Each structure stands twice: as C-alpha cells, then as structure tokens.
Amino acid sequence: MGKEGQIWVSVITVCYTCRQVIEQTMRSVLEQNYPFVEYIVIDGASKDGTTEEIERLAPLFREKGYRFHLVSEPDHGIYDAMNKGIRLASGEWINFMNAGDRFYDCHVLSRIFGSPVPEAYSIVYGDTVLHLAFGDVEMRPKPLDYLQKKMAFCHQSAFVRTKEMQLHPFDTRYRLAADYDFFYYCYLKKKKFEYMAFPVAIFESEEGASSLNRLKVNREYAQIKGIDKTVIWKLKYVCKYMSVKLKEAFYASLPDSCVRKLREKNYERLRRRRLK
C-alpha cells in the first residue's frame, strides 16, 4: 500500500507462446482509469516473439506511472509461474489476468478500489463474460458454498489480498486446480469473500476447455478434498467419463452448425439458471 488512500493493485499475467493475444490483455490493464497499478508479466521464455511484444508495450505502462515488471525464464508449469508473480507483488491486492483474457472495461479497478475496501475482506470477486466461438455470455458466480464441490467463480474475476497469497501460495503438485485448492482453503478457514455484482473479466473460454481437461480437473478437485480414493467417487468418475465420451461421439456425428446451436442453448440455459 502506498500513501494513505492509495491502494495498489498487482495485476499478474502469466504467459507462454502467446504473441497473438498478449497485446489485448496488456492493453486492458493499461487502459484502466485507476492510477495505482503494478503490472507483472511472467513469461515462460517464449520463442515466438511474445517477449518482444511485451517489451514493446512496457514503456507505455511506465509513462502512465504504473509499476512494471517482466520476468522471462523457464518455469515448472503455470502455478510455478504464478507463484513467481506472487513473490514479486508489492500491491495490497492481486489479480491474475492471463494471456488472452482481459478486464471487462476500463472502469473495473476504479469501481472496486476507488473507495476503501473493508479490512475484513480477503477476496472480492464479480461476474465473468465467457468469450465463446458463437459469442459472449455473461455469467454470475455460483453460490459461494459451491466451493465445497468445485470453483464457484472465475479466477480472473477475483482479487485476493496479497498477504493471503504470500502466506499460502499455489500448491504446484496440482497442475490444473491449484487455484481451487487456494480458494477452498480460504473457504474452510472462513476468510471473508465479497461479491461485486458486475462483470470483472472477459475470459477466453474456448482454448483449454476440452472434456479431457475437465475430467482431469475433477480428479484434482477430489484429491484436494481427500475423496479420490473412495469407492463412491470412483464410481461417479467412471460414470462421468462414460458420459463425456458418449457426448463427444454424439457431437462428432453432427454438423458443426448443429453443435454450435446446441452449445449456445446450453450456455444460455446455464446463464438463466445463475440469474435465479
């Protein structure tokens, strides 16, 4: 935290081989109308020109008075890279806005931090716009107690007090769900979560969203909760695996236009359910 009333926010972008999308993410940070921003980019030693693109834009942050840091070196996975960013962060709050994702608009940070955030709050989070092939869908988070099962909100739409993250960094044993492990820990420890009823982030929801990854994520969720060895969970996992494979086979038999319409209807159904 800077002088009285100056709440610095550390926005961390983790990236690797993403020259085509890194600019839109960086500009969404640069265009914030909030003055106290520290921007940290952790690049995994990209060889496709990503680092050069970051360095090209870096002076714009410094000209605006934002603190700027770039680290470009090999890492041991996304959560190792994110932990590097946490160690560097000097702001009072941390947000992860990874390559391809972006803030909803230029007012996000000022809406949240333009007035004092109560000291009791450890995590604030908001709505997310999912960027999909057929268009954008705005989604509210699930009820917070859904954290007992899975993620209740999008990580990019959350801000966490830096001291919480530095005391409990991501567990790199988990390759896909270490962020859930962190928020689940905070939930069990009764840390204060506060919901902000407006969109925070636009999340690139197509890349990395394969059914196979979702199954792997579910397995890590179970490991985090300590139920992955139970017979009941194993039976449920087998049923889920079969359901996913049947769904994939069904979709593969349909024309792309039909698949697109089915996905659009499914997301609209989910959106309406969140509004209840």
Protein backbone atom coordinates (compact mmCIF):
# COMPACT_ATOMS: atom_id res chain seq x y z
CA MET A 1 0.00 0.00 0.00
CA GLY A 2 1.24 3.48 -0.87
CA LYS A 3 0.33 6.73 0.82
CA GLU A 4 -2.95 6.95 2.71
CA GLY A 5 -5.83 6.21 0.35
CA GLN A 6 -3.58 4.75 -2.33
CA ILE A 7 -4.46 1.09 -2.67
CA TRP A 8 -2.04 -0.51 -5.13
CA VAL A 9 -3.32 -3.47 -7.13
CA SER A 10 -0.87 -6.01 -8.56
CA VAL A 11 -2.18 -7.46 -11.82
CA ILE A 12 -0.22 -10.55 -12.86
CA THR A 13 -0.20 -12.00 -16.36
CA VAL A 14 1.30 -15.45 -16.87
CA CYS A 15 2.01 -16.31 -20.49
CA TYR A 16 3.87 -18.63 -22.83
CA THR A 17 3.98 -18.53 -26.65
CA CYS A 18 1.07 -16.13 -26.96
CA ARG A 19 2.28 -13.31 -29.19
CA GLN A 20 -1.10 -13.12 -30.96
CA VAL A 21 -3.13 -12.37 -27.81
CA ILE A 22 -0.79 -10.78 -25.28
CA GLU A 23 -1.39 -7.23 -26.54
CA GLN A 24 -5.14 -7.28 -25.88
CA THR A 25 -4.52 -8.45 -22.32
CA MET A 26 -1.84 -5.85 -21.67
CA ARG A 27 -3.90 -3.04 -23.15
CA SER A 28 -6.89 -3.93 -20.97
CA VAL A 29 -4.61 -3.31 -17.98
CA LEU A 30 -3.06 -0.19 -19.48
CA GLU A 31 -6.49 1.31 -20.22
CA GLN A 32 -7.72 1.11 -16.62
CA ASN A 33 -8.65 4.53 -15.25
CA TYR A 34 -7.38 3.54 -11.82
CA PRO A 35 -3.95 5.11 -11.09
CA PHE A 36 -2.31 2.68 -8.64
CA VAL A 37 -1.48 -0.41 -10.69
CA GLU A 38 1.52 -2.69 -10.58
CA TYR A 39 1.68 -4.88 -13.68
CA ILE A 40 3.76 -8.07 -13.52
CA VAL A 41 4.26 -10.29 -16.58
CA ILE A 42 5.73 -13.77 -16.08
CA ASP A 43 6.71 -15.28 -19.41
CA GLY A 44 7.94 -18.85 -19.69
CA ALA A 45 10.85 -17.94 -22.02
CA SER A 46 8.70 -17.81 -25.15
CA LYS A 47 10.47 -18.11 -28.51
CA ASP A 48 7.63 -16.88 -30.76
CA GLY A 49 8.09 -13.15 -30.24
CA THR A 50 5.90 -12.89 -27.12
CA THR A 51 8.72 -11.38 -25.05
CA GLU A 52 9.50 -8.80 -27.73
CA GLU A 53 5.81 -7.83 -27.86
CA ILE A 54 5.74 -7.36 -24.07
CA GLU A 55 8.90 -5.23 -24.18
CA ARG A 56 7.41 -3.12 -26.98
CA LEU A 57 4.44 -2.20 -24.79
CA ALA A 58 6.33 -1.91 -21.48
CA PRO A 59 7.22 1.82 -21.83
CA LEU A 60 3.51 2.71 -22.04
CA PHE A 61 2.97 1.41 -18.51
CA ARG A 62 5.89 3.35 -17.10
CA GLU A 63 4.75 6.51 -18.90
CA LYS A 64 1.37 6.16 -17.19
CA GLY A 65 3.01 5.83 -13.77
CA TYR A 66 2.26 2.14 -13.41
CA ARG A 67 4.89 -0.11 -11.87
CA PHE A 68 6.00 -2.67 -14.44
CA HIS A 69 7.96 -5.92 -14.09
CA LEU A 70 8.82 -8.57 -16.67
CA VAL A 71 10.32 -11.97 -15.90
CA SER A 72 11.07 -14.25 -18.85
CA GLU A 73 12.55 -17.61 -17.91
CA PRO A 74 11.61 -21.32 -17.93
CA ASP A 75 9.20 -22.47 -15.25
CA HIS A 76 7.70 -25.70 -13.93
CA GLY A 77 4.13 -25.07 -15.03
CA ILE A 78 1.53 -22.33 -14.77
CA TYR A 79 1.25 -22.34 -10.98
CA ASP A 80 5.02 -22.13 -10.55
CA ALA A 81 4.91 -19.08 -12.83
CA MET A 82 2.00 -17.61 -10.85
CA ASN A 83 3.91 -18.09 -7.60
CA LYS A 84 6.79 -16.08 -9.10
CA GLY A 85 4.35 -13.25 -9.67
CA ILE A 86 3.04 -13.51 -6.11
CA ARG A 87 6.57 -13.23 -4.72
CA LEU A 88 7.18 -10.07 -6.77
CA ALA A 89 3.87 -8.40 -5.93
CA SER A 90 4.05 -5.27 -3.78
CA GLY A 91 0.43 -4.17 -4.12
CA GLU A 92 -2.18 -4.78 -1.45
CA TRP A 93 -4.32 -6.89 -3.79
CA ILE A 94 -3.52 -9.44 -6.52
CA ASN A 95 -5.45 -10.29 -9.67
CA PHE A 96 -4.41 -12.85 -12.28
CA MET A 97 -5.30 -11.78 -15.83
CA ASN A 98 -3.60 -14.33 -18.02
CA ALA A 99 -2.80 -14.05 -21.71
CA GLY A 100 -5.92 -13.94 -23.88
CA ASP A 101 -8.15 -12.73 -21.04
CA ARG A 102 -8.91 -9.08 -20.27
CA PHE A 103 -10.75 -6.72 -17.99
CA TYR A 104 -14.39 -6.12 -18.92
CA ASP A 105 -13.88 -2.38 -19.31
CA CYS A 106 -11.63 0.47 -18.20
CA HIS A 107 -13.63 1.09 -15.01
CA VAL A 108 -13.19 -2.29 -13.27
CA LEU A 109 -10.38 -1.38 -10.88
CA SER A 110 -11.80 2.04 -10.01
CA ARG A 111 -15.22 0.52 -9.25
CA ILE A 112 -13.67 -1.91 -6.79
CA PHE A 113 -10.83 0.11 -5.28
CA GLY A 114 -11.94 3.69 -5.82
CA SER A 115 -13.35 3.62 -2.29
CA PRO A 116 -11.86 1.82 0.74
CA VAL A 117 -12.32 -1.95 0.84
CA PRO A 118 -13.25 -3.13 4.34
CA GLU A 119 -10.28 -4.66 6.13
CA ALA A 120 -12.29 -7.82 6.86
CA TYR A 121 -12.46 -8.75 3.17
CA SER A 122 -9.82 -11.19 1.95
CA ILE A 123 -11.28 -11.89 -1.50
CA VAL A 124 -13.56 -9.85 -3.75
CA TYR A 125 -14.99 -11.31 -6.95
CA GLY A 126 -17.51 -10.49 -9.64
CA ASP A 127 -19.22 -11.69 -12.79
CA THR A 128 -17.45 -13.04 -15.86
CA VAL A 129 -18.09 -12.74 -19.57
CA LEU A 130 -17.23 -16.01 -21.31
CA HIS A 131 -15.81 -15.41 -24.80
CA LEU A 132 -17.02 -18.31 -26.95
CA ALA A 133 -16.97 -19.14 -30.65
CA PHE A 134 -20.66 -18.22 -31.03
CA GLY A 135 -20.48 -15.03 -28.96
CA ASP A 136 -20.09 -13.69 -25.43
CA VAL A 137 -22.12 -14.93 -22.47
CA GLU A 138 -22.21 -13.08 -19.15
CA MET A 139 -22.21 -15.46 -16.18
CA ARG A 140 -22.79 -14.81 -12.50
CA PRO A 141 -20.81 -16.89 -10.00
CA LYS A 142 -22.38 -19.87 -8.30
CA PRO A 143 -23.31 -19.55 -4.59
CA LEU A 144 -20.15 -19.40 -2.50
CA ASP A 145 -20.83 -22.71 -0.74
CA TYR A 146 -20.38 -24.37 -4.15
CA LEU A 147 -16.66 -24.18 -3.26
CA GLN A 148 -17.29 -27.33 -1.25
CA LYS A 149 -17.63 -29.05 -4.66
CA LYS A 150 -15.83 -27.02 -7.34
CA MET A 151 -14.85 -23.46 -8.30
CA ALA A 152 -17.72 -21.06 -7.68
CA PHE A 153 -16.34 -18.14 -9.72
CA CYS A 154 -13.77 -17.39 -12.41
CA HIS A 155 -10.25 -16.83 -11.10
CA GLN A 156 -9.70 -13.90 -13.48
CA SER A 157 -12.70 -12.15 -11.90
CA ALA A 158 -11.26 -12.35 -8.37
CA PHE A 159 -8.93 -10.15 -6.32
CA VAL A 160 -7.12 -11.55 -3.29
CA ARG A 161 -5.19 -9.73 -0.58
CA THR A 162 -1.51 -10.17 -1.35
CA LYS A 163 -0.67 -11.19 2.21
CA GLU A 164 -3.07 -14.16 1.89
CA MET A 165 -1.42 -15.36 -1.30
CA GLN A 166 2.11 -14.91 0.00
CA LEU A 167 1.25 -16.90 3.13
CA HIS A 168 -0.44 -19.65 1.11
CA PRO A 169 0.99 -19.78 -2.45
CA PHE A 170 -0.31 -22.21 -5.05
CA ASP A 171 0.46 -25.87 -4.42
CA THR A 172 2.37 -26.91 -7.55
CA ARG A 173 1.56 -30.58 -7.01
CA TYR A 174 -1.69 -29.71 -8.76
CA ARG A 175 -1.30 -28.99 -12.47
CA LEU A 176 -4.84 -27.79 -13.20
CA ALA A 177 -6.65 -26.99 -9.95
CA ALA A 178 -4.20 -25.27 -7.61
CA ASP A 179 -6.35 -22.14 -7.77
CA TYR A 180 -9.32 -24.16 -6.49
CA ASP A 181 -7.07 -25.55 -3.75
CA PHE A 182 -6.29 -21.98 -2.65
CA PHE A 183 -9.90 -20.75 -2.63
CA TYR A 184 -11.13 -23.95 -0.98
CA TYR A 185 -8.52 -23.40 1.76
CA CYS A 186 -9.73 -19.82 2.23
CA TYR A 187 -13.33 -21.01 2.39
CA LEU A 188 -12.53 -23.63 5.05
CA LYS A 189 -10.59 -21.02 7.04
CA LYS A 190 -13.68 -18.76 6.89
CA LYS A 191 -11.90 -15.95 5.09
CA LYS A 192 -14.28 -13.17 4.07
CA PHE A 193 -15.44 -13.30 0.43
CA GLU A 194 -17.34 -10.35 -1.03
CA TYR A 195 -19.33 -10.49 -4.28
CA MET A 196 -19.40 -7.44 -6.59
CA ALA A 197 -22.44 -7.59 -8.89
CA PHE A 198 -20.84 -6.50 -12.16
CA PRO A 199 -18.56 -8.05 -14.82
CA VAL A 200 -14.85 -8.04 -13.97
CA ALA A 201 -13.20 -10.12 -16.69
CA ILE A 202 -13.71 -11.41 -20.21
CA PHE A 203 -12.47 -14.99 -20.08
CA GLU A 204 -11.27 -16.82 -23.19
CA SER A 205 -13.41 -19.93 -22.73
CA GLU A 206 -12.60 -21.93 -25.86
CA GLU A 207 -8.91 -22.74 -25.53
CA GLY A 208 -8.04 -25.38 -22.95
CA ALA A 209 -11.68 -26.26 -22.30
CA SER A 210 -11.59 -29.85 -23.55
CA SER A 211 -13.62 -32.58 -21.89
CA LEU A 212 -10.39 -34.43 -21.12
CA ASN A 213 -9.09 -31.45 -19.16
CA ARG A 214 -12.36 -31.15 -17.26
CA LEU A 215 -12.08 -34.78 -16.18
CA LYS A 216 -8.51 -34.20 -15.02
CA VAL A 217 -9.62 -31.09 -13.14
CA ASN A 218 -12.38 -33.07 -11.42
CA ARG A 219 -9.83 -35.65 -10.33
CA GLU A 220 -7.65 -32.93 -8.80
CA TYR A 221 -10.70 -31.45 -7.06
CA ALA A 222 -11.26 -34.84 -5.47
CA GLN A 223 -7.60 -35.11 -4.43
CA ILE A 224 -7.80 -31.67 -2.81
CA LYS A 225 -10.88 -32.68 -0.83
CA GLY A 226 -9.38 -36.08 0.03
CA ILE A 227 -12.15 -38.16 -1.55
CA ASP A 228 -10.38 -39.51 -4.63
CA LYS A 229 -9.75 -42.92 -3.01
CA THR A 230 -13.37 -43.55 -2.03
CA VAL A 231 -15.45 -46.14 -3.89
CA ILE A 232 -18.35 -43.74 -4.34
CA TRP A 233 -16.18 -41.12 -6.02
CA LYS A 234 -14.52 -43.68 -8.28
CA LEU A 235 -17.92 -44.97 -9.43
CA LYS A 236 -19.11 -41.42 -10.11
CA TYR A 237 -15.91 -40.71 -12.03
CA VAL A 238 -16.40 -43.76 -14.26
CA CYS A 239 -19.98 -42.68 -14.98
CA LYS A 240 -18.81 -39.15 -15.75
CA TYR A 241 -16.07 -40.47 -18.04
CA MET A 242 -18.57 -42.59 -19.98
CA SER A 243 -20.97 -39.65 -20.23
CA VAL A 244 -18.24 -37.42 -21.61
CA LYS A 245 -17.21 -39.98 -24.21
CA LEU A 246 -20.81 -40.53 -25.33
CA LYS A 247 -21.33 -36.78 -25.61
CA GLU A 248 -18.14 -36.40 -27.65
CA ALA A 249 -19.24 -39.20 -30.01
CA PHE A 250 -22.69 -37.63 -30.37
CA TYR A 251 -21.29 -34.18 -31.14
CA ALA A 252 -18.80 -35.67 -33.59
CA SER A 253 -21.71 -37.13 -35.58
CA LEU A 254 -23.38 -33.74 -36.01
CA PRO A 255 -22.66 -30.91 -38.44
CA ASP A 256 -20.68 -28.04 -36.93
CA SER A 257 -23.69 -25.72 -37.24
CA CYS A 258 -25.79 -28.05 -35.05
CA VAL A 259 -23.03 -28.36 -32.45
CA ARG A 260 -22.74 -24.60 -32.31
CA LYS A 261 -26.50 -24.19 -31.75
CA LEU A 262 -26.54 -26.86 -29.04
CA ARG A 263 -23.64 -25.21 -27.20
CA GLU A 264 -25.28 -21.80 -27.48
CA LYS A 265 -28.53 -23.13 -25.99
CA ASN A 266 -26.64 -24.91 -23.22
CA TYR A 267 -24.78 -21.76 -22.18
CA GLU A 268 -27.99 -19.74 -22.31
CA ARG A 269 -29.62 -22.31 -20.01
CA LEU A 270 -26.69 -22.06 -17.60
CA ARG A 271 -26.82 -18.25 -17.68
CA ARG A 272 -30.54 -18.21 -16.85
CA ARG A 273 -30.02 -20.67 -14.02
CA ARG A 274 -27.36 -18.37 -12.45
CA LEU A 275 -29.83 -15.47 -12.53
CA LYS A 276 -32.28 -17.24 -10.20
